[in-house]
């Protein structure tokens, strides 16, 4: 029987010409807490890291408000709350992906920070090549690389961030197409990356639109 996807408890929060929608996504017996923004046919699943972060990470200062920026650039962002622990998050990403497909997404990309970057890579590895348009890792702790040749890859991190010191290795192990943005700072949040490279959101949008 086809899964019935229901968005419940929606809360609209006005943000300029766009709106944040806080909701629960229900898939069978699973309920995943999510926040969405934007109306584009290219959906970006946004995954926070560990340390008590929530689905709001990419909507707030530490996440450089990239959700708002992507929505304004024509993308639909779907951010979920997950455990933030290695090995977790597959149920939440799966729910977000199915929700995106059920609501009209033509392309889907994964974007994660720290442990969320690791989750994005791990989830992409278990799917067939080309399932995702792009996998974006910000300050990720992943060290395995991605062998996918039909999926674009973006690695962005500060070279002196101890939590992201595996990223050069992950980049080298990854197949083309891929891009690395290695910055000279030590900060871990996305906001720290933007401090080093103010055009980072534009760089991200350019990769997604290729």
N, C-alpha and C. Protein backbone atom coordinates (compact mmCIF):
# COMPACT_ATOMS: atom_id res chain seq x y z
N UNK A 1 0.84 -1.19 0.00
CA UNK A 1 0.00 0.00 0.00
C UNK A 1 0.88 1.25 0.00
N UNK A 2 0.56 2.17 -0.87
CA UNK A 2 1.38 3.37 -0.98
C UNK A 2 1.35 4.16 0.32
N UNK A 3 2.52 4.65 0.74
CA UNK A 3 2.60 5.44 1.96
C UNK A 3 1.81 6.74 1.81
N UNK A 4 1.12 7.08 2.82
CA UNK A 4 0.40 8.35 2.85
C UNK A 4 1.20 9.33 3.67
N UNK A 5 1.60 10.43 3.02
CA UNK A 5 2.43 11.44 3.69
C UNK A 5 1.55 12.60 4.11
N UNK A 6 1.62 12.92 5.37
CA UNK A 6 0.77 13.97 5.91
C UNK A 6 1.63 14.97 6.65
N UNK A 7 1.50 16.22 6.33
CA UNK A 7 2.17 17.28 7.08
C UNK A 7 1.19 17.82 8.10
N UNK A 8 1.54 17.72 9.40
CA UNK A 8 0.62 18.16 10.43
C UNK A 8 1.27 19.23 11.28
N UNK A 9 0.44 19.91 12.06
CA UNK A 9 0.91 20.93 13.01
C UNK A 9 1.76 21.98 12.31
N UNK A 10 1.31 22.44 11.17
CA UNK A 10 2.09 23.43 10.42
C UNK A 10 1.96 24.80 11.05
N UNK A 11 3.09 25.48 11.16
CA UNK A 11 3.12 26.83 11.71
C UNK A 11 3.81 27.72 10.70
N UNK A 12 3.09 28.67 10.15
CA UNK A 12 3.65 29.59 9.17
C UNK A 12 4.28 30.77 9.89
N UNK A 13 5.53 31.05 9.53
CA UNK A 13 6.25 32.17 10.11
C UNK A 13 6.68 33.07 8.98
N UNK A 14 6.16 34.27 8.94
CA UNK A 14 6.45 35.17 7.83
C UNK A 14 7.89 35.65 7.88
N UNK A 15 8.59 35.54 6.74
CA UNK A 15 9.96 36.02 6.62
C UNK A 15 10.07 36.74 5.29
N UNK A 16 9.81 38.03 5.28
CA UNK A 16 9.87 38.79 4.04
C UNK A 16 8.86 38.25 3.06
N UNK A 17 9.34 37.96 1.83
CA UNK A 17 8.45 37.46 0.79
C UNK A 17 8.28 35.96 0.86
N UNK A 18 9.02 35.28 1.75
CA UNK A 18 8.93 33.84 1.90
C UNK A 18 8.40 33.51 3.29
N UNK A 19 8.24 32.23 3.56
CA UNK A 19 7.75 31.82 4.87
C UNK A 19 8.40 30.53 5.30
N UNK A 20 8.68 30.41 6.57
CA UNK A 20 9.13 29.16 7.17
C UNK A 20 7.89 28.38 7.58
N UNK A 21 7.88 27.11 7.29
CA UNK A 21 6.76 26.26 7.68
C UNK A 21 7.30 25.19 8.62
N UNK A 22 6.90 25.25 9.86
CA UNK A 22 7.33 24.25 10.84
C UNK A 22 6.26 23.18 10.89
N UNK A 23 6.67 21.92 10.73
CA UNK A 23 5.69 20.85 10.60
C UNK A 23 6.25 19.53 11.10
N UNK A 24 5.35 18.57 11.23
CA UNK A 24 5.74 17.18 11.42
C UNK A 24 5.42 16.44 10.13
N UNK A 25 6.36 15.66 9.65
CA UNK A 25 6.14 14.83 8.47
C UNK A 25 5.86 13.42 8.97
N UNK A 26 4.73 12.87 8.56
CA UNK A 26 4.34 11.54 9.02
C UNK A 26 4.47 10.53 7.90
N UNK A 27 5.18 9.44 8.18
CA UNK A 27 5.33 8.34 7.23
C UNK A 27 5.05 7.04 7.97
N UNK A 28 3.89 6.47 7.74
CA UNK A 28 3.52 5.29 8.50
C UNK A 28 3.42 5.64 9.97
N UNK A 29 4.19 4.94 10.79
CA UNK A 29 4.21 5.22 12.23
C UNK A 29 5.28 6.24 12.62
N UNK A 30 6.06 6.68 11.65
CA UNK A 30 7.13 7.62 11.93
C UNK A 30 6.67 9.06 11.80
N UNK A 31 7.07 9.89 12.75
CA UNK A 31 6.80 11.32 12.68
C UNK A 31 8.14 12.04 12.84
N UNK A 32 8.46 12.88 11.87
CA UNK A 32 9.74 13.58 11.84
C UNK A 32 9.48 15.08 11.91
N UNK A 33 10.15 15.75 12.85
CA UNK A 33 10.01 17.19 13.01
C UNK A 33 10.83 17.89 11.93
N UNK A 34 10.19 18.81 11.20
CA UNK A 34 10.84 19.44 10.06
C UNK A 34 10.48 20.91 9.96
N UNK A 35 11.29 21.65 9.23
CA UNK A 35 11.00 23.02 8.87
C UNK A 35 11.33 23.19 7.40
N UNK A 36 10.40 23.77 6.64
CA UNK A 36 10.63 23.95 5.22
C UNK A 36 10.53 25.43 4.86
N UNK A 37 11.14 25.76 3.72
CA UNK A 37 11.10 27.13 3.23
C UNK A 37 11.40 27.11 1.74
N UNK A 38 10.68 27.90 0.97
CA UNK A 38 10.89 27.97 -0.46
C UNK A 38 9.94 27.08 -1.23
N UNK A 39 9.87 27.31 -2.53
CA UNK A 39 8.89 26.60 -3.36
C UNK A 39 9.50 26.01 -4.63
N UNK A 40 10.80 25.94 -4.72
CA UNK A 40 11.44 25.45 -5.94
C UNK A 40 11.27 23.95 -6.13
N UNK A 41 11.49 23.49 -7.37
CA UNK A 41 11.39 22.07 -7.69
C UNK A 41 12.67 21.32 -7.34
N UNK A 42 13.71 22.05 -6.93
CA UNK A 42 14.95 21.43 -6.44
C UNK A 42 14.93 21.53 -4.92
N UNK A 43 14.74 20.39 -4.26
CA UNK A 43 14.67 20.36 -2.80
C UNK A 43 16.04 20.08 -2.20
N UNK A 44 16.40 20.82 -1.17
CA UNK A 44 17.67 20.62 -0.45
C UNK A 44 17.33 20.15 0.96
N UNK A 45 17.72 18.91 1.27
CA UNK A 45 17.50 18.36 2.61
C UNK A 45 18.63 18.85 3.50
N UNK A 46 18.32 19.65 4.53
CA UNK A 46 19.32 20.29 5.38
C UNK A 46 19.45 19.53 6.70
N UNK A 47 20.68 19.15 7.04
CA UNK A 47 20.93 18.29 8.20
C UNK A 47 21.91 18.96 9.18
N UNK A 48 21.44 19.26 10.37
CA UNK A 48 22.28 19.86 11.39
C UNK A 48 23.28 18.83 11.91
N UNK A 49 24.23 19.31 12.72
CA UNK A 49 25.22 18.43 13.31
C UNK A 49 24.83 17.97 14.71
N UNK A 50 25.83 17.65 15.52
CA UNK A 50 25.59 17.19 16.89
C UNK A 50 25.52 18.39 17.83
N UNK A 51 25.57 18.11 19.11
CA UNK A 51 25.67 19.17 20.11
C UNK A 51 24.39 19.95 20.36
N UNK A 52 23.25 19.29 20.24
CA UNK A 52 22.00 19.96 20.58
C UNK A 52 21.42 20.82 19.47
N UNK A 53 21.99 20.76 18.26
CA UNK A 53 21.40 21.50 17.15
C UNK A 53 20.04 20.93 16.79
N UNK A 54 19.23 21.75 16.15
CA UNK A 54 17.91 21.31 15.71
C UNK A 54 17.72 21.63 14.25
N UNK A 55 16.55 21.33 13.73
CA UNK A 55 16.21 21.62 12.34
C UNK A 55 16.38 23.10 12.01
N UNK A 56 16.41 23.96 13.03
CA UNK A 56 16.51 25.40 12.79
C UNK A 56 17.95 25.87 12.51
N UNK A 57 18.92 24.94 12.56
CA UNK A 57 20.33 25.33 12.46
C UNK A 57 20.61 26.18 11.23
N UNK A 58 20.20 25.73 10.06
CA UNK A 58 20.50 26.46 8.83
C UNK A 58 19.63 27.71 8.67
N UNK A 59 18.67 27.89 9.56
CA UNK A 59 17.83 29.10 9.56
C UNK A 59 18.39 30.16 10.49
N UNK A 60 19.38 29.79 11.30
CA UNK A 60 19.89 30.69 12.34
C UNK A 60 21.31 31.14 12.03
N UNK A 61 21.86 31.97 12.92
CA UNK A 61 23.15 32.61 12.65
C UNK A 61 24.30 31.62 12.48
N UNK A 62 24.35 30.58 13.32
CA UNK A 62 25.47 29.63 13.21
C UNK A 62 25.47 28.92 11.86
N UNK A 63 24.29 28.74 11.32
CA UNK A 63 24.16 28.14 9.99
C UNK A 63 24.15 29.18 8.89
N UNK A 64 24.51 30.42 9.23
CA UNK A 64 24.61 31.53 8.28
C UNK A 64 23.31 31.81 7.54
N UNK A 65 22.19 31.36 8.13
CA UNK A 65 20.87 31.58 7.52
C UNK A 65 20.86 31.13 6.05
N UNK A 66 21.53 30.01 5.79
CA UNK A 66 21.59 29.51 4.42
C UNK A 66 20.23 29.04 3.91
N UNK A 67 19.35 28.63 4.80
CA UNK A 67 18.01 28.21 4.35
C UNK A 67 17.29 29.37 3.68
N UNK A 68 17.34 30.55 4.32
CA UNK A 68 16.70 31.72 3.74
C UNK A 68 17.33 32.09 2.40
N UNK A 69 18.67 32.01 2.34
CA UNK A 69 19.37 32.35 1.12
C UNK A 69 19.04 31.40 -0.02
N UNK A 70 18.96 30.11 0.28
CA UNK A 70 18.62 29.13 -0.75
C UNK A 70 17.18 29.31 -1.23
N UNK A 71 16.28 29.59 -0.29
CA UNK A 71 14.88 29.81 -0.68
C UNK A 71 14.77 31.01 -1.62
N UNK A 72 15.49 32.06 -1.31
CA UNK A 72 15.45 33.25 -2.16
C UNK A 72 16.06 32.98 -3.53
N UNK A 73 16.97 31.99 -3.59
CA UNK A 73 17.62 31.63 -4.86
C UNK A 73 16.79 30.64 -5.67
N UNK A 74 15.62 30.26 -5.16
CA UNK A 74 14.72 29.41 -5.92
C UNK A 74 14.68 27.95 -5.52
N UNK A 75 15.30 27.60 -4.37
CA UNK A 75 15.29 26.22 -3.91
C UNK A 75 14.28 26.04 -2.78
N UNK A 76 13.88 24.79 -2.56
CA UNK A 76 13.04 24.47 -1.40
C UNK A 76 13.90 23.74 -0.38
N UNK A 77 13.99 24.27 0.82
CA UNK A 77 14.79 23.67 1.88
C UNK A 77 13.88 22.88 2.81
N UNK A 78 14.29 21.66 3.12
CA UNK A 78 13.57 20.82 4.08
C UNK A 78 14.58 20.41 5.14
N UNK A 79 14.49 21.00 6.32
CA UNK A 79 15.42 20.73 7.41
C UNK A 79 14.73 19.84 8.45
N UNK A 80 15.44 18.84 8.94
CA UNK A 80 14.85 17.91 9.90
C UNK A 80 15.66 17.90 11.19
N UNK A 81 15.00 17.54 12.28
CA UNK A 81 15.68 17.28 13.54
C UNK A 81 16.00 15.79 13.62
N UNK A 82 17.27 15.48 13.95
CA UNK A 82 17.66 14.07 14.12
C UNK A 82 18.59 13.98 15.32
N UNK A 83 19.04 12.80 15.67
CA UNK A 83 19.77 12.59 16.92
C UNK A 83 21.14 13.27 16.94
N UNK A 84 21.75 13.50 15.78
CA UNK A 84 23.08 14.08 15.74
C UNK A 84 24.18 13.10 16.06
N UNK A 85 23.87 11.80 16.12
CA UNK A 85 24.84 10.78 16.48
C UNK A 85 25.24 9.95 15.26
N UNK A 86 26.50 9.57 15.20
CA UNK A 86 26.96 8.70 14.12
C UNK A 86 26.12 7.44 14.05
N UNK A 87 25.66 7.11 12.86
CA UNK A 87 24.80 5.93 12.67
C UNK A 87 23.33 6.24 12.74
N UNK A 88 22.97 7.45 13.18
CA UNK A 88 21.57 7.83 13.26
C UNK A 88 21.15 8.67 12.07
N UNK A 89 19.87 9.01 12.03
CA UNK A 89 19.36 9.97 11.06
C UNK A 89 18.82 9.40 9.77
N UNK A 90 19.00 8.11 9.50
CA UNK A 90 18.54 7.56 8.23
C UNK A 90 17.02 7.64 8.09
N UNK A 91 16.32 7.39 9.19
CA UNK A 91 14.85 7.46 9.14
C UNK A 91 14.40 8.88 8.82
N UNK A 92 15.04 9.86 9.44
CA UNK A 92 14.64 11.25 9.23
C UNK A 92 14.94 11.72 7.80
N UNK A 93 16.12 11.35 7.29
CA UNK A 93 16.44 11.74 5.91
C UNK A 93 15.50 11.05 4.94
N UNK A 94 15.22 9.78 5.17
CA UNK A 94 14.30 9.06 4.30
C UNK A 94 12.92 9.70 4.27
N UNK A 95 12.45 10.14 5.43
CA UNK A 95 11.15 10.81 5.49
C UNK A 95 11.18 12.11 4.70
N UNK A 96 12.26 12.88 4.84
CA UNK A 96 12.37 14.15 4.12
C UNK A 96 12.44 13.93 2.62
N UNK A 97 13.18 12.93 2.20
CA UNK A 97 13.31 12.62 0.77
C UNK A 97 11.97 12.22 0.19
N UNK A 98 11.26 11.34 0.87
CA UNK A 98 9.96 10.90 0.36
C UNK A 98 8.95 12.05 0.36
N UNK A 99 9.02 12.89 1.37
CA UNK A 99 8.14 14.06 1.42
C UNK A 99 8.44 14.98 0.24
N UNK A 100 9.71 15.20 -0.06
CA UNK A 100 10.09 16.05 -1.18
C UNK A 100 9.55 15.48 -2.49
N UNK A 101 9.70 14.18 -2.70
CA UNK A 101 9.20 13.55 -3.92
C UNK A 101 7.68 13.65 -4.02
N UNK A 102 7.02 13.42 -2.89
CA UNK A 102 5.56 13.43 -2.89
C UNK A 102 4.98 14.81 -3.10
N UNK A 103 5.78 15.84 -2.86
CA UNK A 103 5.30 17.22 -3.01
C UNK A 103 5.93 17.92 -4.21
N UNK A 104 6.39 17.14 -5.18
CA UNK A 104 6.74 17.71 -6.47
C UNK A 104 8.19 18.00 -6.77
N UNK A 105 9.12 17.57 -5.92
CA UNK A 105 10.53 17.84 -6.19
C UNK A 105 11.00 17.07 -7.42
N UNK A 106 11.68 17.77 -8.32
CA UNK A 106 12.26 17.14 -9.51
C UNK A 106 13.72 16.76 -9.26
N UNK A 107 14.38 17.50 -8.39
CA UNK A 107 15.75 17.21 -7.98
C UNK A 107 15.83 17.28 -6.46
N UNK A 108 16.72 16.47 -5.89
CA UNK A 108 16.93 16.49 -4.44
C UNK A 108 18.43 16.49 -4.16
N UNK A 109 18.86 17.38 -3.28
CA UNK A 109 20.24 17.42 -2.83
C UNK A 109 20.28 17.27 -1.32
N UNK A 110 21.42 16.83 -0.80
CA UNK A 110 21.63 16.69 0.64
C UNK A 110 22.68 17.69 1.08
N UNK A 111 22.43 18.41 2.16
CA UNK A 111 23.35 19.41 2.69
C UNK A 111 23.47 19.22 4.19
N UNK A 112 24.68 18.98 4.68
CA UNK A 112 24.84 18.74 6.10
C UNK A 112 26.02 19.47 6.70
N UNK A 113 25.91 19.78 7.98
CA UNK A 113 27.00 20.41 8.73
C UNK A 113 27.53 19.43 9.77
N UNK A 114 28.84 19.26 9.83
CA UNK A 114 29.48 18.44 10.85
C UNK A 114 28.97 17.00 10.79
N UNK A 115 28.36 16.48 11.85
CA UNK A 115 27.79 15.13 11.81
C UNK A 115 26.69 15.04 10.75
N UNK A 116 26.06 16.16 10.46
CA UNK A 116 25.05 16.17 9.40
C UNK A 116 25.67 15.96 8.03
N UNK A 117 26.90 16.45 7.84
CA UNK A 117 27.62 16.19 6.60
C UNK A 117 27.96 14.71 6.46
N UNK A 118 28.35 14.12 7.57
CA UNK A 118 28.63 12.67 7.59
C UNK A 118 27.37 11.90 7.25
N UNK A 119 26.23 12.30 7.84
CA UNK A 119 24.96 11.64 7.56
C UNK A 119 24.60 11.78 6.08
N UNK A 120 24.76 12.97 5.53
CA UNK A 120 24.45 13.18 4.11
C UNK A 120 25.25 12.22 3.23
N UNK A 121 26.55 12.09 3.53
CA UNK A 121 27.40 11.20 2.75
C UNK A 121 27.00 9.74 2.93
N UNK A 122 26.75 9.34 4.18
CA UNK A 122 26.36 7.95 4.44
C UNK A 122 25.04 7.59 3.77
N UNK A 123 24.11 8.52 3.79
CA UNK A 123 22.81 8.24 3.17
C UNK A 123 22.97 8.14 1.65
N UNK A 124 23.76 9.05 1.07
CA UNK A 124 23.97 9.02 -0.38
C UNK A 124 24.64 7.71 -0.81
N UNK A 125 25.53 7.19 0.01
CA UNK A 125 26.24 5.96 -0.33
C UNK A 125 25.30 4.76 -0.45
N UNK A 126 24.24 4.78 0.33
CA UNK A 126 23.35 3.62 0.32
C UNK A 126 22.32 3.67 -0.82
N UNK A 127 22.25 4.82 -1.49
CA UNK A 127 21.32 4.96 -2.61
C UNK A 127 22.07 4.79 -3.93
N UNK A 128 21.34 4.60 -5.02
CA UNK A 128 21.98 4.44 -6.32
C UNK A 128 22.58 5.75 -6.78
N UNK A 129 23.64 5.66 -7.57
CA UNK A 129 24.32 6.84 -8.08
C UNK A 129 23.35 7.68 -8.91
N UNK A 130 23.30 8.97 -8.62
CA UNK A 130 22.39 9.86 -9.32
C UNK A 130 21.07 10.08 -8.60
N UNK A 131 20.87 9.41 -7.47
CA UNK A 131 19.64 9.64 -6.70
C UNK A 131 19.58 11.08 -6.21
N UNK A 132 20.75 11.67 -5.95
CA UNK A 132 20.82 13.04 -5.47
C UNK A 132 21.64 13.89 -6.44
N UNK A 133 21.17 15.10 -6.66
CA UNK A 133 21.87 16.01 -7.55
C UNK A 133 23.23 16.39 -6.97
N UNK A 134 23.26 16.77 -5.70
CA UNK A 134 24.48 17.25 -5.05
C UNK A 134 24.50 16.79 -3.59
N UNK A 135 25.68 16.49 -3.08
CA UNK A 135 25.89 16.27 -1.65
C UNK A 135 26.85 17.35 -1.17
N UNK A 136 26.38 18.15 -0.21
CA UNK A 136 27.15 19.28 0.30
C UNK A 136 27.56 18.99 1.74
N UNK A 137 28.86 19.11 2.03
CA UNK A 137 29.36 18.88 3.38
C UNK A 137 30.07 20.13 3.88
N UNK A 138 29.52 20.71 4.94
CA UNK A 138 30.14 21.85 5.61
C UNK A 138 30.80 21.37 6.89
N UNK A 139 32.12 21.56 7.01
CA UNK A 139 32.85 21.20 8.24
C UNK A 139 32.53 19.77 8.67
N UNK A 140 32.48 18.87 7.71
CA UNK A 140 32.04 17.50 7.99
C UNK A 140 33.11 16.70 8.72
N UNK A 141 32.66 15.68 9.44
CA UNK A 141 33.58 14.77 10.12
C UNK A 141 33.77 13.49 9.31
N UNK A 142 33.20 13.43 8.11
CA UNK A 142 33.29 12.24 7.27
C UNK A 142 34.69 12.13 6.66
N UNK A 143 35.20 10.89 6.57
CA UNK A 143 36.54 10.70 6.00
C UNK A 143 36.57 9.67 4.88
N UNK A 144 35.41 9.24 4.40
CA UNK A 144 35.38 8.10 3.48
C UNK A 144 35.33 8.47 2.01
N UNK A 145 34.85 9.65 1.68
CA UNK A 145 34.73 10.01 0.29
C UNK A 145 33.48 9.43 -0.34
N UNK A 146 33.16 9.90 -1.53
CA UNK A 146 31.97 9.46 -2.26
C UNK A 146 32.38 9.02 -3.66
N UNK A 147 32.09 7.77 -3.99
CA UNK A 147 32.49 7.23 -5.29
C UNK A 147 31.45 7.51 -6.37
N UNK A 148 30.41 8.24 -6.05
CA UNK A 148 29.32 8.49 -6.99
C UNK A 148 29.79 9.41 -8.12
N UNK A 149 29.56 9.01 -9.35
CA UNK A 149 30.01 9.81 -10.50
C UNK A 149 28.90 10.66 -11.10
N UNK A 150 27.65 10.41 -10.72
CA UNK A 150 26.53 11.18 -11.25
C UNK A 150 26.03 12.23 -10.26
N UNK A 151 26.70 12.33 -9.13
CA UNK A 151 26.31 13.25 -8.06
C UNK A 151 27.41 14.27 -7.84
N UNK A 152 27.06 15.56 -7.87
CA UNK A 152 28.04 16.60 -7.58
C UNK A 152 28.35 16.60 -6.09
N UNK A 153 29.57 17.02 -5.76
CA UNK A 153 29.99 17.03 -4.37
C UNK A 153 30.68 18.34 -4.05
N UNK A 154 30.31 18.94 -2.92
CA UNK A 154 30.94 20.17 -2.46
C UNK A 154 31.42 19.96 -1.03
N UNK A 155 32.71 20.20 -0.80
CA UNK A 155 33.31 20.13 0.52
C UNK A 155 33.77 21.53 0.89
N UNK A 156 33.30 22.07 2.00
CA UNK A 156 33.73 23.40 2.45
C UNK A 156 34.07 23.31 3.94
N UNK A 157 35.25 23.80 4.31
CA UNK A 157 35.70 23.66 5.69
C UNK A 157 36.85 24.62 5.95
N UNK A 158 37.11 24.88 7.22
CA UNK A 158 38.28 25.64 7.64
C UNK A 158 39.44 24.67 7.88
N UNK A 159 40.59 24.96 7.32
CA UNK A 159 41.74 24.05 7.40
C UNK A 159 42.20 23.78 8.82
N UNK A 160 41.95 24.74 9.74
CA UNK A 160 42.43 24.56 11.11
C UNK A 160 41.30 24.21 12.08
N UNK A 161 40.20 23.73 11.52
CA UNK A 161 39.08 23.21 12.33
C UNK A 161 39.38 21.75 12.63
N UNK A 162 39.64 21.43 13.90
CA UNK A 162 40.04 20.07 14.26
C UNK A 162 38.95 19.04 13.96
N UNK A 163 37.69 19.48 13.92
CA UNK A 163 36.59 18.55 13.68
C UNK A 163 36.46 18.19 12.20
N UNK A 164 37.05 19.00 11.35
CA UNK A 164 36.90 18.79 9.91
C UNK A 164 38.21 18.38 9.25
N UNK A 165 39.17 17.91 10.03
CA UNK A 165 40.49 17.66 9.45
C UNK A 165 40.54 16.42 8.55
N UNK A 166 39.42 15.69 8.43
CA UNK A 166 39.36 14.55 7.52
C UNK A 166 38.89 14.96 6.12
N UNK A 167 38.44 16.18 5.96
CA UNK A 167 37.83 16.57 4.69
C UNK A 167 38.77 16.51 3.48
N UNK A 168 40.04 16.93 3.60
CA UNK A 168 40.92 16.77 2.43
C UNK A 168 41.02 15.32 1.97
N UNK A 169 41.09 14.39 2.92
CA UNK A 169 41.15 12.97 2.58
C UNK A 169 39.86 12.52 1.91
N UNK A 170 38.71 12.95 2.45
CA UNK A 170 37.42 12.59 1.85
C UNK A 170 37.31 13.13 0.44
N UNK A 171 37.80 14.34 0.24
CA UNK A 171 37.78 14.94 -1.10
C UNK A 171 38.62 14.12 -2.07
N UNK A 172 39.83 13.75 -1.66
CA UNK A 172 40.71 12.98 -2.54
C UNK A 172 40.11 11.63 -2.89
N UNK A 173 39.40 11.02 -1.97
CA UNK A 173 38.80 9.71 -2.21
C UNK A 173 37.54 9.78 -3.05
N UNK A 174 37.00 10.97 -3.24
CA UNK A 174 35.73 11.13 -3.95
C UNK A 174 35.94 11.23 -5.46
N UNK A 175 34.95 10.75 -6.20
CA UNK A 175 34.98 10.81 -7.66
C UNK A 175 34.54 12.18 -8.14
N UNK A 176 34.95 12.54 -9.34
CA UNK A 176 34.42 13.73 -9.99
C UNK A 176 32.95 13.47 -10.34
N UNK A 177 32.13 14.52 -10.40
CA UNK A 177 32.43 15.95 -10.19
C UNK A 177 32.49 16.30 -8.71
N UNK A 178 33.48 17.12 -8.35
CA UNK A 178 33.65 17.50 -6.96
C UNK A 178 34.33 18.86 -6.89
N UNK A 179 34.11 19.54 -5.78
CA UNK A 179 34.74 20.84 -5.55
C UNK A 179 35.07 20.96 -4.08
N UNK A 180 36.24 21.50 -3.77
CA UNK A 180 36.67 21.70 -2.40
C UNK A 180 36.92 23.19 -2.16
N UNK A 181 36.38 23.70 -1.06
CA UNK A 181 36.64 25.07 -0.62
C UNK A 181 37.32 24.97 0.74
N UNK A 182 38.65 25.03 0.73
CA UNK A 182 39.43 24.92 1.96
C UNK A 182 39.83 26.32 2.40
N UNK A 183 39.30 26.74 3.53
CA UNK A 183 39.49 28.11 4.01
C UNK A 183 40.54 28.15 5.11
N UNK A 184 41.03 29.34 5.43
CA UNK A 184 42.18 29.47 6.31
C UNK A 184 41.90 29.63 7.78
N UNK A 185 40.65 29.51 8.20
CA UNK A 185 40.31 29.73 9.61
C UNK A 185 40.28 28.45 10.41
N UNK A 186 39.70 28.56 11.64
CA UNK A 186 39.61 27.40 12.52
C UNK A 186 38.19 27.17 13.03
N UNK A 187 37.27 28.06 12.70
CA UNK A 187 35.90 27.94 13.21
C UNK A 187 35.14 26.79 12.59
N UNK A 188 34.20 26.23 13.36
CA UNK A 188 33.45 25.05 12.93
C UNK A 188 32.08 25.37 12.32
N UNK A 189 31.31 26.32 12.85
CA UNK A 189 29.98 26.60 12.29
C UNK A 189 30.06 27.13 10.86
N UNK A 190 28.94 27.06 10.15
CA UNK A 190 28.89 27.60 8.79
C UNK A 190 29.19 29.10 8.82
N UNK A 191 28.75 29.77 9.87
CA UNK A 191 29.01 31.21 9.98
C UNK A 191 30.50 31.51 10.00
N UNK A 192 31.31 30.60 10.57
CA UNK A 192 32.76 30.78 10.60
C UNK A 192 33.35 30.63 9.21
N UNK A 193 32.74 29.78 8.39
CA UNK A 193 33.19 29.63 7.01
C UNK A 193 32.88 30.90 6.22
N UNK A 194 31.73 31.47 6.47
CA UNK A 194 31.33 32.70 5.78
C UNK A 194 32.24 33.86 6.18
N UNK A 195 32.71 33.86 7.42
CA UNK A 195 33.65 34.89 7.85
C UNK A 195 34.92 34.86 7.00
N UNK A 196 35.31 33.67 6.58
CA UNK A 196 36.51 33.52 5.76
C UNK A 196 36.21 33.77 4.28
N UNK A 197 35.01 33.42 3.85
CA UNK A 197 34.65 33.58 2.43
C UNK A 197 33.20 34.04 2.35
N UNK A 198 33.03 35.33 2.21
CA UNK A 198 31.69 35.93 2.25
C UNK A 198 30.80 35.45 1.11
N UNK A 199 31.39 34.94 0.04
CA UNK A 199 30.62 34.51 -1.14
C UNK A 199 30.18 33.05 -1.04
N UNK A 200 30.32 32.42 0.13
CA UNK A 200 30.09 30.98 0.23
C UNK A 200 28.68 30.58 -0.21
N UNK A 201 27.66 31.35 0.16
CA UNK A 201 26.31 31.02 -0.28
C UNK A 201 26.21 31.07 -1.81
N UNK A 202 26.81 32.09 -2.40
CA UNK A 202 26.80 32.18 -3.87
C UNK A 202 27.52 31.00 -4.50
N UNK A 203 28.62 30.58 -3.88
CA UNK A 203 29.35 29.42 -4.38
C UNK A 203 28.49 28.17 -4.31
N UNK A 204 27.76 28.02 -3.22
CA UNK A 204 26.85 26.88 -3.05
C UNK A 204 25.76 26.88 -4.11
N UNK A 205 25.13 28.04 -4.30
CA UNK A 205 24.06 28.15 -5.29
C UNK A 205 24.58 27.82 -6.69
N UNK A 206 25.79 28.27 -7.01
CA UNK A 206 26.38 27.99 -8.31
C UNK A 206 26.55 26.51 -8.55
N UNK A 207 27.00 25.78 -7.50
CA UNK A 207 27.17 24.33 -7.63
C UNK A 207 25.82 23.65 -7.81
N UNK A 208 24.84 24.05 -7.03
CA UNK A 208 23.52 23.43 -7.12
C UNK A 208 22.87 23.67 -8.48
N UNK A 209 23.16 24.80 -9.09
CA UNK A 209 22.52 25.15 -10.36
C UNK A 209 23.27 24.63 -11.58
N UNK A 210 24.45 24.03 -11.41
CA UNK A 210 25.21 23.51 -12.54
C UNK A 210 24.43 22.41 -13.26
